[in-house]
Structures are given as structure tokens and as C-alpha cells.
Amino acid sequence: MFTRITMPARFRLPLERHMAHPPPATIIDSHLHVWDPDRGVYPWLGNHLAPIDRTMTLSEVAPELADRGVGGVVLVQSADDDFDTDLMLEIAGSDRRVVGVVGYVPLHRPSVAAARLARLRDDPLFVGVRNLIHEREDPAWILRPDVDAGLGLLEQAGVPFDFVAGGPEALATAAEVARRHPGLHLILDHLGAPALRTGHDHAERWSQQLEFLAGRPHVYAKLSGLYLGPDPEGDALARLGVHLRDALRLFGTDRLMYGGDWPICLLHERYGRTLDLLRHGLADLDAAGWRDVLAGTATRVYGLDQNRVAAARS
């Protein structure tokens, strides 16, 4: 049965009240999903995810976006098919809050991927590619020669790739991708999913892999999907604070971007929790740093259309 996890009240207060400096005029959420199971197929959805096993629309989260000062969002793929990408672009065409779409091309079919990529790039709202590599049975799928050729297409075209997987082993795979494709703009979703409830050995291996990735100038990280779970003693919160400060030290603010991960976040807490956690863990960040994390990095790395971003602010 689904149980909502509630954070202590002191961590749910508005972001602006607890930052050393005010946030930018408009926040860009670099990681938000929409889907429609009545029209598309999402194999990973099911009764075990009952709160989100339904159509999820941007209008549902709109009040919370406005409440948090989020004016622009990047929609990120939720299925490895063309329909999901087309749905996001359809929504983007009628909603000025959408400043970018991270879609899908079949990396394991390079010739098909090349043709699809050429069509997608005609749309200025298409800004990146993701595949659900964490749903693959083979953890090394992304390293296969055919997939590697698909990644080469993205590298050559200058199209960013969102890497979604977590743990030290997955980060090692991401590091190999970065080594093979030094010109590929690789965006690490959810900060590589650091485990907040495991022992020192896991955390140490995760940190080592993250440090290697940060050494690659074209690797970036999303501060998204950071869920504590029940944490009565504050241990997970403290560990997350260490991870956030490590990320800041390794990447700098110009390679970190905020993502709310709605509606996946609803399995844990209402929208905005990640903003509260960032405010708590990076409380000493200066105004320029907050501008990077909350808008600037996403705008630059995804190459968001400046007119679209400006329209989202109005």
C-alpha cells in the first residue's frame, strides 16, 4: 500500500525564506514528466505505482510550479518510443511553460536513430535524448557497439544525452561512455542516484565514480530525484548534504541543474521537496550560484531558446 512520507515542517518552508540569496526571477525545472497511458504504452507503469498509474498532465502540477516560482520546464521522456516524444512536443506546442523536450531515438538502431534525429532537430523545442537504460536487463546495454554508434550520432550532432541509472556500477558505465565520447554532453540524471541508507563502502565507490565523471568537462548532473524516505534521526538528510556539497565541489554550479522529477516525486512527497533539500544542503550558495543551478545551467547545456525562456518568465 502506498504511504505518503511527510518531511518535518522545517524542511517544507518556501525556498526563498531560507536561501542566503533570493532565487532567480524564474526557475527552470530541468526534469519533469507527462504521460498518457490511454494513448501510449508505458511498460514500467502498473498497480505497484498506483498514485501515478494514470494520465499525468502539466496542468495538474501547474499550481505548485507557480507557487515555487518555476516558470519553465524541460519535459523528459518516459517511454522508449516515438509516441512519447511526439506527445511531449504536442504539449510544448500549446504550453509556453515548456522550454524544452528531451525525447527518444533508438540508439541501438543507428540508421533509424539518424533519420529520427534529423526530423526532431527541426523542432526548436527538441533539446536532448534519453533512453530508459535503467529498465534494460543488460546493465552494459549502453556499451554495445550498435548503441555506441547511436551515441556517436548524438556527439556529432551536439545533442545532449540524459544518462539515467544509479549506483557505483552504473556510474562506472557512464564514465566509460564519457571516455568513449569526450564531445558528448552527458547529463547525469538524479546525481547518479546516491544511496542514502547504505554503508560507507557504497558511498565511497559512488563518490569515486562521480569524481571521475566530474573530471570530464562535458559531463553535467541534475540535482533531482533525491528522496530521503523515513528519516526520523536525520541520518539520510545529513548524508545527502554531504553528497550535495561533494557535487558542488566537483562540478561547480555551472554544471549542476535543478530537476523536480514530477510526478515520480509523488511516490515520496509533493512537488517542491527537492528544492527544500537543495536549500538546506546548499544554504551558503551565493546569488550567482543559485542562478546557475535553478536556471542558467539548464538553459546553457540544453541550448534552450532564449525567446521561449523569456516567454516563460512573463
Protein backbone atom coordinates (compact mmCIF):
# COMPACT_ATOMS: atom_id res chain seq x y z
CA MET A 1 0.00 0.00 0.00
CA PHE A 2 1.24 3.47 -0.83
CA THR A 3 2.11 5.62 2.17
CA ARG A 4 2.96 9.27 1.75
CA ILE A 5 6.17 10.21 3.51
CA THR A 6 5.99 13.60 5.18
CA MET A 7 9.05 15.72 5.80
CA PRO A 8 9.47 17.67 9.04
CA ALA A 9 7.81 21.06 8.69
CA ARG A 10 11.11 22.93 8.88
CA PHE A 11 12.13 21.35 5.53
CA ARG A 12 8.89 22.25 3.74
CA LEU A 13 9.04 26.02 4.09
CA PRO A 14 9.19 28.19 0.96
CA LEU A 15 12.60 28.19 -0.68
CA GLU A 16 13.03 31.97 -0.63
CA ARG A 17 12.84 32.19 3.17
CA HIS A 18 15.87 30.02 3.74
CA MET A 19 18.32 30.87 0.99
CA ALA A 20 21.23 33.19 1.66
CA HIS A 21 20.27 34.93 -1.59
CA PRO A 22 16.97 35.12 -3.49
CA PRO A 23 16.34 32.66 -6.35
CA PRO A 24 16.34 33.83 -9.97
CA ALA A 25 13.24 35.58 -11.25
CA THR A 26 12.14 32.36 -12.92
CA ILE A 27 13.22 28.84 -12.01
CA ILE A 28 13.60 26.25 -14.77
CA ASP A 29 12.79 22.69 -13.77
CA SER A 30 15.05 20.55 -15.96
CA HIS A 31 13.31 17.24 -15.25
CA LEU A 32 9.55 16.85 -15.41
CA HIS A 33 7.42 14.10 -16.97
CA VAL A 34 3.99 13.83 -18.54
CA TRP A 35 2.33 10.69 -19.90
CA ASP A 36 -0.97 9.34 -21.18
CA PRO A 37 -1.49 5.55 -20.79
CA ASP A 38 -4.81 5.84 -22.63
CA ARG A 39 -2.93 6.76 -25.80
CA GLY A 40 0.56 5.36 -25.29
CA VAL A 41 2.35 2.36 -23.79
CA TYR A 42 4.48 2.69 -20.65
CA PRO A 43 5.62 -0.85 -19.72
CA TRP A 44 7.11 0.19 -16.39
CA LEU A 45 3.83 1.64 -15.10
CA GLY A 46 1.46 -0.60 -13.12
CA ASN A 47 -0.61 -1.07 -9.99
CA HIS A 48 2.55 -1.06 -7.89
CA LEU A 49 2.82 2.64 -8.79
CA ALA A 50 -0.86 3.35 -8.20
CA PRO A 51 -0.58 7.09 -7.39
CA ILE A 52 0.92 7.78 -10.83
CA ASP A 53 -0.50 4.89 -12.87
CA ARG A 54 -2.76 7.25 -14.80
CA THR A 55 -2.59 10.18 -17.18
CA MET A 56 -0.32 12.87 -15.76
CA THR A 57 -0.64 16.35 -17.25
CA LEU A 58 1.22 19.60 -16.83
CA SER A 59 -1.96 21.31 -15.69
CA GLU A 60 -2.06 19.09 -12.60
CA VAL A 61 1.25 20.37 -11.27
CA ALA A 62 0.80 23.92 -12.57
CA PRO A 63 -0.34 25.44 -9.24
CA GLU A 64 2.71 24.05 -7.44
CA LEU A 65 5.04 25.23 -10.21
CA ALA A 66 3.63 28.72 -9.82
CA ASP A 67 3.85 28.56 -6.03
CA ARG A 68 7.54 27.65 -6.25
CA GLY A 69 8.39 30.25 -8.87
CA VAL A 70 9.00 27.67 -11.60
CA GLY A 71 8.20 29.36 -14.89
CA GLY A 72 9.80 26.94 -17.35
CA VAL A 73 10.08 23.16 -17.52
CA VAL A 74 12.00 20.65 -19.59
CA LEU A 75 9.86 17.59 -20.35
CA VAL A 76 11.84 14.33 -20.25
CA GLN A 77 10.94 11.07 -21.99
CA SER A 78 9.07 8.32 -20.17
CA ALA A 79 8.92 5.62 -22.85
CA ASP A 80 11.27 4.27 -25.48
CA ASP A 81 9.05 5.04 -28.45
CA ASP A 82 8.16 7.85 -30.82
CA PHE A 83 4.69 8.46 -29.37
CA ASP A 84 6.01 9.65 -26.02
CA THR A 85 8.28 12.20 -27.69
CA ASP A 86 5.53 13.34 -30.04
CA LEU A 87 3.17 13.77 -27.07
CA MET A 88 5.66 15.99 -25.27
CA LEU A 89 6.24 18.10 -28.38
CA GLU A 90 2.48 18.36 -28.85
CA ILE A 91 2.12 19.68 -25.32
CA ALA A 92 5.08 22.02 -25.78
CA GLY A 93 3.43 23.50 -28.84
CA SER A 94 0.49 24.74 -26.79
CA ASP A 95 2.06 25.50 -23.40
CA ARG A 96 4.70 28.22 -23.15
CA ARG A 97 5.91 26.84 -19.82
CA VAL A 98 7.62 24.04 -21.75
CA VAL A 99 11.03 25.36 -22.76
CA GLY A 100 12.48 22.07 -23.97
CA VAL A 101 11.82 18.38 -24.66
CA VAL A 102 14.26 15.52 -24.05
CA GLY A 103 12.97 12.83 -26.38
CA TYR A 104 13.80 9.35 -27.60
CA VAL A 105 15.65 7.94 -30.57
CA PRO A 106 16.54 4.21 -30.84
CA LEU A 107 20.26 4.34 -30.16
CA HIS A 108 20.57 0.59 -30.82
CA ARG A 109 19.36 1.18 -34.41
CA PRO A 110 21.76 3.88 -35.64
CA SER A 111 20.31 4.31 -39.13
CA VAL A 112 16.77 4.69 -37.76
CA ALA A 113 18.07 6.94 -35.00
CA ALA A 114 19.83 9.18 -37.52
CA ALA A 115 16.65 9.69 -39.56
CA ARG A 116 14.50 10.33 -36.49
CA LEU A 117 17.10 12.68 -35.02
CA ALA A 118 17.18 14.73 -38.21
CA ARG A 119 13.40 15.21 -38.05
CA LEU A 120 13.36 16.04 -34.36
CA ARG A 121 16.09 18.64 -34.73
CA ASP A 122 13.80 20.63 -36.99
CA ASP A 123 11.76 21.45 -33.88
CA PRO A 124 13.50 24.12 -31.76
CA LEU A 125 11.90 22.69 -28.61
CA PHE A 126 13.72 19.38 -29.03
CA VAL A 127 16.82 19.71 -26.85
CA GLY A 128 18.11 16.25 -25.95
CA VAL A 129 17.79 12.46 -25.97
CA ARG A 130 17.24 9.86 -23.30
CA ASN A 131 16.75 6.08 -23.34
CA LEU A 132 15.36 4.13 -20.38
CA ILE A 133 18.63 2.29 -19.88
CA HIS A 134 17.79 1.54 -16.24
CA GLU A 135 14.87 -0.61 -17.48
CA ARG A 136 17.16 -2.80 -19.59
CA GLU A 137 18.05 -6.28 -18.34
CA ASP A 138 21.62 -5.86 -19.55
CA PRO A 139 23.38 -3.23 -17.38
CA ALA A 140 26.02 -2.86 -20.09
CA TRP A 141 23.48 -2.29 -22.89
CA ILE A 142 24.65 1.28 -23.38
CA LEU A 143 28.17 -0.01 -24.17
CA ARG A 144 27.10 -2.33 -27.01
CA PRO A 145 28.67 -1.45 -30.39
CA ASP A 146 25.32 -0.61 -32.01
CA VAL A 147 24.29 1.63 -29.11
CA ASP A 148 27.75 3.18 -29.05
CA ALA A 149 27.28 4.12 -32.69
CA GLY A 150 23.98 5.77 -31.76
CA LEU A 151 25.73 7.79 -29.08
CA GLY A 152 28.26 8.82 -31.68
CA LEU A 153 25.42 10.35 -33.69
CA LEU A 154 24.44 12.48 -30.71
CA GLU A 155 28.04 13.50 -30.12
CA GLN A 156 28.48 14.53 -33.75
CA ALA A 157 25.19 16.46 -33.78
CA GLY A 158 25.86 18.20 -30.46
CA VAL A 159 22.69 16.76 -28.90
CA PRO A 160 22.87 16.23 -25.10
CA PHE A 161 22.20 12.76 -23.68
CA ASP A 162 20.47 12.19 -20.34
CA PHE A 163 22.01 9.18 -18.58
CA VAL A 164 19.50 7.61 -16.18
CA ALA A 165 20.84 4.93 -13.85
CA GLY A 166 22.13 4.83 -10.32
CA GLY A 167 24.75 3.30 -8.09
CA PRO A 168 28.53 2.89 -8.41
CA GLU A 169 28.29 0.26 -11.16
CA ALA A 170 26.04 2.44 -13.32
CA LEU A 171 28.30 5.44 -12.74
CA ALA A 172 31.24 3.34 -13.91
CA THR A 173 29.28 2.64 -17.09
CA ALA A 174 28.56 6.35 -17.50
CA ALA A 175 32.26 7.04 -17.05
CA GLU A 176 33.07 4.64 -19.87
CA VAL A 177 30.52 6.38 -22.11
CA ALA A 178 32.15 9.72 -21.28
CA ARG A 179 35.59 8.28 -22.05
CA ARG A 180 34.48 6.94 -25.42
CA HIS A 181 32.64 10.12 -26.38
CA PRO A 182 34.56 13.10 -24.97
CA GLY A 183 32.49 15.56 -27.02
CA LEU A 184 29.11 14.20 -25.91
CA HIS A 185 27.23 16.42 -23.47
CA LEU A 186 26.34 13.76 -20.89
CA ILE A 187 23.77 14.75 -18.26
CA LEU A 188 23.67 12.51 -15.21
CA ASP A 189 20.07 12.26 -14.05
CA HIS A 190 19.35 12.31 -10.32
CA LEU A 191 23.02 12.85 -9.43
CA GLY A 192 23.57 9.19 -10.22
CA ALA A 193 21.07 8.14 -7.53
CA PRO A 194 23.30 8.20 -4.44
CA ALA A 195 22.19 5.64 -1.87
CA LEU A 196 21.34 7.48 1.32
CA ARG A 197 20.84 4.41 3.51
CA THR A 198 23.80 2.19 2.71
CA GLY A 199 27.18 1.82 4.31
CA HIS A 200 30.43 3.67 3.85
CA ASP A 201 31.77 1.32 1.15
CA HIS A 202 28.89 2.04 -1.24
CA ALA A 203 29.13 5.79 -0.65
CA GLU A 204 32.88 5.74 -1.19
CA ARG A 205 32.61 3.90 -4.52
CA TRP A 206 29.82 6.23 -5.65
CA SER A 207 31.95 9.27 -4.76
CA GLN A 208 34.96 7.90 -6.63
CA GLN A 209 32.96 7.36 -9.81
CA LEU A 210 31.31 10.77 -9.50
CA GLU A 211 34.74 12.38 -9.16
CA PHE A 212 35.94 10.67 -12.32
CA LEU A 213 32.85 11.82 -14.22
CA ALA A 214 33.26 15.36 -12.96
CA GLY A 215 36.75 15.36 -14.43
CA ARG A 216 35.16 15.24 -17.88
CA PRO A 217 34.23 18.83 -18.80
CA HIS A 218 31.17 17.81 -20.86
CA VAL A 219 29.53 15.84 -18.03
CA TYR A 220 26.78 17.58 -16.05
CA ALA A 221 24.48 16.48 -13.23
CA LYS A 222 20.86 17.01 -12.33
CA LEU A 223 20.02 17.62 -8.70
CA SER A 224 16.81 15.65 -8.98
CA GLY A 225 15.16 12.50 -7.64
CA LEU A 226 16.78 12.93 -4.22
CA TYR A 227 14.39 11.11 -1.88
CA LEU A 228 15.15 10.51 1.78
CA GLY A 229 12.34 8.19 2.85
CA PRO A 230 11.55 7.94 6.57
CA ASP A 231 14.39 9.71 8.33
CA PRO A 232 13.49 10.30 12.00
CA GLU A 233 17.11 10.73 13.08
CA GLY A 234 18.11 12.89 10.12
CA ASP A 235 20.86 10.49 9.02
CA ALA A 236 19.79 10.40 5.38
CA LEU A 237 19.42 14.18 5.32
CA ALA A 238 22.94 14.58 6.67
CA ARG A 239 24.32 12.12 4.12
CA LEU A 240 22.51 13.90 1.30
CA GLY A 241 24.04 17.17 2.46
CA VAL A 242 27.49 15.61 2.10
CA HIS A 243 26.64 14.38 -1.41
CA LEU A 244 25.32 17.80 -2.45
CA ARG A 245 28.44 19.53 -1.21
CA ASP A 246 30.59 16.94 -2.99
CA ALA A 247 28.67 17.59 -6.20
CA LEU A 248 29.17 21.33 -5.80
CA ARG A 249 32.89 20.89 -5.17
CA LEU A 250 33.36 18.52 -8.12
CA PHE A 251 31.12 20.07 -10.78
CA GLY A 252 30.68 23.68 -9.74
CA THR A 253 27.35 25.42 -10.14
CA ASP A 254 27.81 25.83 -13.90
CA ARG A 255 27.45 22.05 -14.37
CA LEU A 256 24.59 21.42 -11.94
CA MET A 257 20.87 21.91 -12.62
CA TYR A 258 17.69 21.53 -10.61
CA GLY A 259 15.03 18.95 -11.53
CA GLY A 260 11.79 18.28 -9.65
CA ASP A 261 11.14 14.79 -11.10
CA TRP A 262 7.36 15.23 -11.05
CA PRO A 263 5.26 13.06 -10.97
CA ILE A 264 7.71 10.38 -9.78
CA CYS A 265 8.21 12.57 -6.72
CA LEU A 266 4.59 11.91 -5.73
CA LEU A 267 5.62 8.42 -4.66
CA HIS A 268 7.57 10.11 -1.89
CA GLU A 269 6.39 13.68 -1.32
CA ARG A 270 4.61 16.51 -3.07
CA TYR A 271 6.36 18.63 -5.67
CA GLY A 272 8.99 21.01 -4.30
CA ARG A 273 10.70 18.70 -1.85
CA THR A 274 13.92 18.70 -3.85
CA LEU A 275 14.00 22.50 -3.77
CA ASP A 276 13.77 22.36 0.01
CA LEU A 277 16.57 19.80 0.18
CA LEU A 278 18.79 21.91 -2.07
CA ARG A 279 18.09 24.97 0.04
CA HIS A 280 19.06 23.02 3.15
CA GLY A 281 22.15 21.34 1.69
CA LEU A 282 23.49 24.33 -0.26
CA ALA A 283 22.42 27.10 2.08
CA ASP A 284 25.65 29.08 1.61
CA LEU A 285 25.45 29.24 -2.18
CA ASP A 286 25.72 32.79 -3.50
CA ALA A 287 23.27 34.50 -5.84
CA ALA A 288 25.26 33.66 -8.97
CA GLY A 289 25.40 30.02 -7.94
CA TRP A 290 21.64 29.83 -7.44
CA ARG A 291 21.11 31.40 -10.86
CA ASP A 292 23.19 28.61 -12.38
CA VAL A 293 21.56 25.73 -10.52
CA LEU A 294 17.99 26.96 -10.82
CA ALA A 295 18.02 28.21 -14.41
CA GLY A 296 21.35 29.06 -16.04
CA THR A 297 22.93 25.62 -16.40
CA ALA A 298 19.83 24.04 -17.94
CA THR A 299 19.44 26.98 -20.31
CA ARG A 300 23.04 26.76 -21.48
CA VAL A 301 23.55 22.98 -21.64
CA TYR A 302 20.26 22.21 -23.37
CA GLY A 303 20.58 25.29 -25.56
CA LEU A 304 17.12 26.47 -24.62
CA ASP A 305 15.56 29.05 -26.90
CA GLN A 306 16.00 32.44 -25.23
CA ASN A 307 12.69 33.74 -26.55
CA ARG A 308 10.93 30.72 -25.11
CA VAL A 309 12.66 31.18 -21.75
CA ALA A 310 11.71 34.86 -21.76
CA ALA A 311 8.09 33.96 -22.55
CA ALA A 312 8.06 31.55 -19.61
CA ARG A 313 9.07 34.42 -17.33
CA SER A 314 6.17 36.63 -18.42
